[in-house]
Amino acid sequence: MEDRIVCHCMEVSYETIKKAIEDGAKTVDDIKEMTEASTGCGGCEDEIQVLLSVFLIGFFPMNLQRSLYFSLP
């Protein structure tokens, strides 16, 4: 799970995004700046927002629950 790619355009992994959050990222823009994820097509932005929500506040946004098909930690 940790080595899967979240952002295919920039080849950014789940683990890289998780580390950015651990290093202080609090917004999608922070993740973009720290990892370059979601700076290509932007298709992974919803998944990044979910990961931020899960890791920062332990909350999975209900409005995104049906649109995403990946497993969370």
PDB file of N, CA and C in Angstrom:
ATOM      1  N   MET A   1       0.833  -1.202   0.000  1.00  0.00           N
ATOM      2  CA  MET A   1       0.000   0.000   0.000  1.00  0.00           C
ATOM      3  C   MET A   1       0.873   1.260   0.000  1.00  0.00           C
ATOM      4  N   GLU A   2       1.913   1.306   0.828  1.00  0.00           N
ATOM      5  CA  GLU A   2       2.713   2.513   0.979  1.00  0.00           C
ATOM      6  C   GLU A   2       3.464   2.896  -0.283  1.00  0.00           C
ATOM      7  N   ASP A   3       3.785   1.922  -1.131  1.00  0.00           N
ATOM      8  CA  ASP A   3       4.581   2.252  -2.299  1.00  0.00           C
ATOM      9  C   ASP A   3       3.740   2.532  -3.545  1.00  0.00           C
ATOM     10  N   ARG A   4       2.423   2.563  -3.410  1.00  0.00           N
ATOM     11  CA  ARG A   4       1.583   2.808  -4.585  1.00  0.00           C
ATOM     12  C   ARG A   4       1.682   4.276  -5.011  1.00  0.00           C
ATOM     13  N   ILE A   5       1.473   4.514  -6.281  1.00  0.00           N
ATOM     14  CA  ILE A   5       1.543   5.859  -6.834  1.00  0.00           C
ATOM     15  C   ILE A   5       0.187   6.551  -6.687  1.00  0.00           C
ATOM     16  N   VAL A   6       0.189   7.743  -6.112  1.00  0.00           N
ATOM     17  CA  VAL A   6      -1.024   8.555  -5.979  1.00  0.00           C
ATOM     18  C   VAL A   6      -1.124   9.505  -7.171  1.00  0.00           C
ATOM     19  N   CYS A   7      -0.020  10.155  -7.504  1.00  0.00           N
ATOM     20  CA  CYS A   7       0.019  11.089  -8.630  1.00  0.00           C
ATOM     21  C   CYS A   7       0.841  10.448  -9.748  1.00  0.00           C
ATOM     22  N   HIS A   8       0.140   9.982 -10.772  1.00  0.00           N
ATOM     23  CA  HIS A   8       0.825   9.297 -11.862  1.00  0.00           C
ATOM     24  C   HIS A   8       1.591  10.275 -12.763  1.00  0.00           C
ATOM     25  N   CYS A   9       1.091  11.483 -12.919  1.00  0.00           N
ATOM     26  CA  CYS A   9       1.774  12.466 -13.772  1.00  0.00           C
ATOM     27  C   CYS A   9       3.183  12.762 -13.263  1.00  0.00           C
ATOM     28  N   MET A  10       3.294  12.942 -11.957  1.00  0.00           N
ATOM     29  CA  MET A  10       4.569  13.319 -11.355  1.00  0.00           C
ATOM     30  C   MET A  10       5.228  12.150 -10.618  1.00  0.00           C
ATOM     31  N   GLU A  11       4.586  10.971 -10.669  1.00  0.00           N
ATOM     32  CA  GLU A  11       5.098   9.754 -10.029  1.00  0.00           C
ATOM     33  C   GLU A  11       5.365   9.953  -8.536  1.00  0.00           C
ATOM     34  N   VAL A  12       4.380  10.510  -7.837  1.00  0.00           N
ATOM     35  CA  VAL A  12       4.489  10.743  -6.400  1.00  0.00           C
ATOM     36  C   VAL A  12       3.739   9.631  -5.676  1.00  0.00           C
ATOM     37  N   SER A  13       4.415   9.005  -4.733  1.00  0.00           N
ATOM     38  CA  SER A  13       3.836   7.870  -4.024  1.00  0.00           C
ATOM     39  C   SER A  13       3.032   8.294  -2.802  1.00  0.00           C
ATOM     40  N   TYR A  14       2.239   7.354  -2.342  1.00  0.00           N
ATOM     41  CA  TYR A  14       1.484   7.504  -1.097  1.00  0.00           C
ATOM     42  C   TYR A  14       2.451   7.839   0.046  1.00  0.00           C
ATOM     43  N   GLU A  15       3.543   7.108   0.117  1.00  0.00           N
ATOM     44  CA  GLU A  15       4.512   7.305   1.199  1.00  0.00           C
ATOM     45  C   GLU A  15       5.115   8.711   1.163  1.00  0.00           C
ATOM     46  N   THR A  16       5.368   9.243  -0.023  1.00  0.00           N
ATOM     47  CA  THR A  16       5.912  10.597  -0.161  1.00  0.00           C
ATOM     48  C   THR A  16       4.904  11.627   0.346  1.00  0.00           C
ATOM     49  N   ILE A  17       3.640  11.434   0.024  1.00  0.00           N
ATOM     50  CA  ILE A  17       2.599  12.352   0.493  1.00  0.00           C
ATOM     51  C   ILE A  17       2.441  12.239   2.003  1.00  0.00           C
ATOM     52  N   LYS A  18       2.443  11.021   2.507  1.00  0.00           N
ATOM     53  CA  LYS A  18       2.345  10.817   3.953  1.00  0.00           C
ATOM     54  C   LYS A  18       3.505  11.515   4.669  1.00  0.00           C
ATOM     55  N   LYS A  19       4.711  11.388   4.141  1.00  0.00           N
ATOM     56  CA  LYS A  19       5.877  12.047   4.749  1.00  0.00           C
ATOM     57  C   LYS A  19       5.731  13.564   4.716  1.00  0.00           C
ATOM     58  N   ALA A  20       5.205  14.113   3.617  1.00  0.00           N
ATOM     59  CA  ALA A  20       5.004  15.566   3.537  1.00  0.00           C
ATOM     60  C   ALA A  20       4.024  16.026   4.618  1.00  0.00           C
ATOM     61  N   ILE A  21       2.991  15.245   4.852  1.00  0.00           N
ATOM     62  CA  ILE A  21       2.024  15.580   5.911  1.00  0.00           C
ATOM     63  C   ILE A  21       2.715  15.522   7.268  1.00  0.00           C
ATOM     64  N   GLU A  22       3.508  14.490   7.489  1.00  0.00           N
ATOM     65  CA  GLU A  22       4.253  14.373   8.744  1.00  0.00           C
ATOM     66  C   GLU A  22       5.234  15.532   8.915  1.00  0.00           C
ATOM     67  N   ASP A  23       5.737  16.064   7.795  1.00  0.00           N
ATOM     68  CA  ASP A  23       6.686  17.176   7.827  1.00  0.00           C
ATOM     69  C   ASP A  23       6.013  18.543   7.874  1.00  0.00           C
ATOM     70  N   GLY A  24       4.676  18.564   7.978  1.00  0.00           N
ATOM     71  CA  GLY A  24       3.989  19.832   8.181  1.00  0.00           C
ATOM     72  C   GLY A  24       2.996  20.271   7.129  1.00  0.00           C
ATOM     73  N   ALA A  25       2.845  19.533   6.044  1.00  0.00           N
ATOM     74  CA  ALA A  25       1.853  19.915   5.028  1.00  0.00           C
ATOM     75  C   ALA A  25       0.455  19.858   5.633  1.00  0.00           C
ATOM     76  N   LYS A  26      -0.326  20.907   5.402  1.00  0.00           N
ATOM     77  CA  LYS A  26      -1.678  20.975   5.949  1.00  0.00           C
ATOM     78  C   LYS A  26      -2.740  21.221   4.887  1.00  0.00           C
ATOM     79  N   THR A  27      -2.313  21.521   3.662  1.00  0.00           N
ATOM     80  CA  THR A  27      -3.244  21.791   2.572  1.00  0.00           C
ATOM     81  C   THR A  27      -2.764  21.096   1.307  1.00  0.00           C
ATOM     82  N   VAL A  28      -3.646  21.024   0.325  1.00  0.00           N
ATOM     83  CA  VAL A  28      -3.258  20.465  -0.971  1.00  0.00           C
ATOM     84  C   VAL A  28      -2.146  21.313  -1.577  1.00  0.00           C
ATOM     85  N   ASP A  29      -2.228  22.619  -1.425  1.00  0.00           N
ATOM     86  CA  ASP A  29      -1.161  23.487  -1.941  1.00  0.00           C
ATOM     87  C   ASP A  29       0.184  23.187  -1.282  1.00  0.00           C
ATOM     88  N   ASP A  30       0.162  22.871   0.017  1.00  0.00           N
ATOM     89  CA  ASP A  30       1.402  22.475   0.692  1.00  0.00           C
ATOM     90  C   ASP A  30       1.960  21.196   0.063  1.00  0.00           C
ATOM     91  N   ILE A  31       1.084  20.227  -0.183  1.00  0.00           N
ATOM     92  CA  ILE A  31       1.501  18.965  -0.798  1.00  0.00           C
ATOM     93  C   ILE A  31       2.064  19.228  -2.187  1.00  0.00           C
ATOM     94  N   LYS A  32       1.410  20.081  -2.953  1.00  0.00           N
ATOM     95  CA  LYS A  32       1.896  20.418  -4.295  1.00  0.00           C
ATOM     96  C   LYS A  32       3.306  21.004  -4.217  1.00  0.00           C
ATOM     97  N   GLU A  33       3.500  21.931  -3.298  1.00  0.00           N
ATOM     98  CA  GLU A  33       4.797  22.596  -3.164  1.00  0.00           C
ATOM     99  C   GLU A  33       5.889  21.636  -2.699  1.00  0.00           C
ATOM    100  N   MET A  34       5.544  20.763  -1.768  1.00  0.00           N
ATOM    101  CA  MET A  34       6.541  19.878  -1.173  1.00  0.00           C
ATOM    102  C   MET A  34       6.851  18.643  -2.020  1.00  0.00           C
ATOM    103  N   THR A  35       5.882  18.203  -2.856  1.00  0.00           N
ATOM    104  CA  THR A  35       6.068  16.937  -3.576  1.00  0.00           C
ATOM    105  C   THR A  35       5.874  17.035  -5.084  1.00  0.00           C
ATOM    106  N   GLU A  36       5.284  18.119  -5.557  1.00  0.00           N
ATOM    107  CA  GLU A  36       4.886  18.308  -6.948  1.00  0.00           C
ATOM    108  C   GLU A  36       3.669  17.460  -7.346  1.00  0.00           C
ATOM    109  N   ALA A  37       3.092  16.718  -6.402  1.00  0.00           N
ATOM    110  CA  ALA A  37       1.874  15.958  -6.694  1.00  0.00           C
ATOM    111  C   ALA A  37       0.758  16.912  -7.074  1.00  0.00           C
ATOM    112  N   SER A  38      -0.068  16.515  -8.012  1.00  0.00           N
ATOM    113  CA  SER A  38      -1.234  17.274  -8.477  1.00  0.00           C
ATOM    114  C   SER A  38      -0.868  18.565  -9.203  1.00  0.00           C
ATOM    115  N   THR A  39       0.362  18.658  -9.695  1.00  0.00           N
ATOM    116  CA  THR A  39       0.751  19.833 -10.471  1.00  0.00           C
ATOM    117  C   THR A  39       0.722  19.552 -11.967  1.00  0.00           C
ATOM    118  N   GLY A  40       0.366  18.313 -12.329  1.00  0.00           N
ATOM    119  CA  GLY A  40       0.229  17.954 -13.741  1.00  0.00           C
ATOM    120  C   GLY A  40      -1.230  18.145 -14.146  1.00  0.00           C
ATOM    121  N   CYS A  41      -1.958  17.053 -14.212  1.00  0.00           N
ATOM    122  CA  CYS A  41      -3.362  17.111 -14.644  1.00  0.00           C
ATOM    123  C   CYS A  41      -4.307  17.491 -13.510  1.00  0.00           C
ATOM    124  N   GLY A  42      -3.886  17.294 -12.252  1.00  0.00           N
ATOM    125  CA  GLY A  42      -4.731  17.619 -11.101  1.00  0.00           C
ATOM    126  C   GLY A  42      -5.739  16.540 -10.746  1.00  0.00           C
ATOM    127  N   GLY A  43      -5.687  15.423 -11.439  1.00  0.00           N
ATOM    128  CA  GLY A  43      -6.658  14.354 -11.207  1.00  0.00           C
ATOM    129  C   GLY A  43      -6.559  13.691  -9.847  1.00  0.00           C
ATOM    130  N   CYS A  44      -5.459  13.846  -9.161  1.00  0.00           N
ATOM    131  CA  CYS A  44      -5.277  13.208  -7.858  1.00  0.00           C
ATOM    132  C   CYS A  44      -5.594  14.149  -6.693  1.00  0.00           C
ATOM    133  N   GLU A  45      -6.042  15.345  -6.981  1.00  0.00           N
ATOM    134  CA  GLU A  45      -6.261  16.336  -5.926  1.00  0.00           C
ATOM    135  C   GLU A  45      -7.276  15.874  -4.882  1.00  0.00           C
ATOM    136  N   ASP A  46      -8.358  15.221  -5.325  1.00  0.00           N
ATOM    137  CA  ASP A  46      -9.355  14.731  -4.362  1.00  0.00           C
ATOM    138  C   ASP A  46      -8.744  13.683  -3.432  1.00  0.00           C
ATOM    139  N   GLU A  47      -7.945  12.787  -3.982  1.00  0.00           N
ATOM    140  CA  GLU A  47      -7.314  11.763  -3.154  1.00  0.00           C
ATOM    141  C   GLU A  47      -6.344  12.390  -2.160  1.00  0.00           C
ATOM    142  N   ILE A  48      -5.612  13.395  -2.586  1.00  0.00           N
ATOM    143  CA  ILE A  48      -4.692  14.083  -1.680  1.00  0.00           C
ATOM    144  C   ILE A  48      -5.466  14.761  -0.559  1.00  0.00           C
ATOM    145  N   GLN A  49      -6.594  15.371  -0.884  1.00  0.00           N
ATOM    146  CA  GLN A  49      -7.420  16.010   0.141  1.00  0.00           C
ATOM    147  C   GLN A  49      -7.915  14.987   1.154  1.00  0.00           C
ATOM    148  N   VAL A  50      -8.302  13.818   0.676  1.00  0.00           N
ATOM    149  CA  VAL A  50      -8.742  12.758   1.584  1.00  0.00           C
ATOM    150  C   VAL A  50      -7.590  12.322   2.488  1.00  0.00           C
ATOM    151  N   LEU A  51      -6.412  12.131   1.918  1.00  0.00           N
ATOM    152  CA  LEU A  51      -5.272  11.735   2.735  1.00  0.00           C
ATOM    153  C   LEU A  51      -4.957  12.786   3.793  1.00  0.00           C
ATOM    154  N   LEU A  52      -5.032  14.049   3.428  1.00  0.00           N
ATOM    155  CA  LEU A  52      -4.843  15.121   4.410  1.00  0.00           C
ATOM    156  C   LEU A  52      -5.875  15.019   5.528  1.00  0.00           C
ATOM    157  N   SER A  53      -7.132  14.830   5.163  1.00  0.00           N
ATOM    158  CA  SER A  53      -8.199  14.734   6.158  1.00  0.00           C
ATOM    159  C   SER A  53      -7.992  13.545   7.080  1.00  0.00           C
ATOM    160  N   VAL A  54      -7.629  12.421   6.511  1.00  0.00           N
ATOM    161  CA  VAL A  54      -7.436  11.211   7.309  1.00  0.00           C
ATOM    162  C   VAL A  54      -6.256  11.361   8.263  1.00  0.00           C
ATOM    163  N   PHE A  55      -5.128  11.839   7.758  1.00  0.00           N
ATOM    164  CA  PHE A  55      -3.938  11.923   8.598  1.00  0.00           C
ATOM    165  C   PHE A  55      -3.984  13.081   9.588  1.00  0.00           C
ATOM    166  N   LEU A  56      -4.610  14.195   9.224  1.00  0.00           N
ATOM    167  CA  LEU A  56      -4.612  15.357  10.118  1.00  0.00           C
ATOM    168  C   LEU A  56      -5.714  15.314  11.153  1.00  0.00           C
ATOM    169  N   ILE A  57      -6.904  14.862  10.754  1.00  0.00           N
ATOM    170  CA  ILE A  57      -8.019  14.894  11.707  1.00  0.00           C
ATOM    171  C   ILE A  57      -8.776  13.575  11.812  1.00  0.00           C
ATOM    172  N   GLY A  58      -8.311  12.552  11.106  1.00  0.00           N
ATOM    173  CA  GLY A  58      -8.961  11.252  11.196  1.00  0.00           C
ATOM    174  C   GLY A  58     -10.359  11.235  10.620  1.00  0.00           C
ATOM    175  N   PHE A  59     -10.601  12.037   9.598  1.00  0.00           N
ATOM    176  CA  PHE A  59     -11.941  12.196   9.026  1.00  0.00           C
ATOM    177  C   PHE A  59     -11.911  11.891   7.541  1.00  0.00           C
ATOM    178  N   PHE A  60     -12.868  11.081   7.096  1.00  0.00           N
ATOM    179  CA  PHE A  60     -12.999  10.766   5.681  1.00  0.00           C
ATOM    180  C   PHE A  60     -14.194  11.526   5.134  1.00  0.00           C
ATOM    181  N   PRO A  61     -13.991  12.527   4.264  1.00  0.00           N
ATOM    182  CA  PRO A  61     -15.095  13.349   3.762  1.00  0.00           C
ATOM    183  C   PRO A  61     -16.154  12.511   3.049  1.00  0.00           C
ATOM    184  N   MET A  62     -17.371  12.570   3.520  1.00  0.00           N
ATOM    185  CA  MET A  62     -18.464  11.764   2.962  1.00  0.00           C
ATOM    186  C   MET A  62     -18.746  12.108   1.502  1.00  0.00           C
ATOM    187  N   ASN A  63     -18.570  13.360   1.107  1.00  0.00           N
ATOM    188  CA  ASN A  63     -18.856  13.733  -0.275  1.00  0.00           C
ATOM    189  C   ASN A  63     -17.852  13.126  -1.257  1.00  0.00           C
ATOM    190  N   LEU A  64     -16.731  12.648  -0.776  1.00  0.00           N
ATOM    191  CA  LEU A  64     -15.741  12.020  -1.648  1.00  0.00           C
ATOM    192  C   LEU A  64     -15.756  10.501  -1.540  1.00  0.00           C
ATOM    193  N   GLN A  65     -16.466   9.969  -0.555  1.00  0.00           N
ATOM    194  CA  GLN A  65     -16.407   8.552  -0.249  1.00  0.00           C
ATOM    195  C   GLN A  65     -16.761   7.668  -1.448  1.00  0.00           C
ATOM    196  N   ARG A  66     -17.766   8.017  -2.192  1.00  0.00           N
ATOM    197  CA  ARG A  66     -18.193   7.182  -3.311  1.00  0.00           C
ATOM    198  C   ARG A  66     -17.374   7.406  -4.568  1.00  0.00           C
ATOM    199  N   SER A  67     -16.730   8.555  -4.678  1.00  0.00           N
ATOM    200  CA  SER A  67     -15.993   8.850  -5.901  1.00  0.00           C
ATOM    201  C   SER A  67     -14.573   8.273  -5.906  1.00  0.00           C
ATOM    202  N   LEU A  68     -14.117   7.824  -4.761  1.00  0.00           N
ATOM    203  CA  LEU A  68     -12.761   7.287  -4.658  1.00  0.00           C
ATOM    204  C   LEU A  68     -12.821   5.778  -4.414  1.00  0.00           C
ATOM    205  N   TYR A  69     -11.900   5.066  -4.994  1.00  0.00           N
ATOM    206  CA  TYR A  69     -11.943   3.612  -4.919  1.00  0.00           C
ATOM    207  C   TYR A  69     -10.645   3.017  -4.382  1.00  0.00           C
ATOM    208  N   PHE A  70      -9.895   3.776  -3.649  1.00  0.00           N
ATOM    209  CA  PHE A  70      -8.631   3.288  -3.121  1.00  0.00           C
ATOM    210  C   PHE A  70      -8.787   2.936  -1.649  1.00  0.00           C
ATOM    211  N   SER A  71      -7.840   2.220  -1.139  1.00  0.00           N
ATOM    212  CA  SER A  71      -7.841   1.836   0.263  1.00  0.00           C
ATOM    213  C   SER A  71      -7.075   2.853   1.089  1.00  0.00           C
ATOM    214  N   LEU A  72      -7.582   3.129   2.249  1.00  0.00           N
ATOM    215  CA  LEU A  72      -6.910   4.038   3.165  1.00  0.00           C
ATOM    216  C   LEU A  72      -6.202   3.232   4.241  1.00  0.00           C
ATOM    217  N   PRO A  73      -5.215   3.820   4.875  1.00  0.00           N
ATOM    218  CA  PRO A  73      -4.470   3.089   5.919  1.00  0.00           C
ATOM    219  C   PRO A  73      -5.357   2.771   7.101  1.00  0.00           C
TER     220      PRO A  73
END
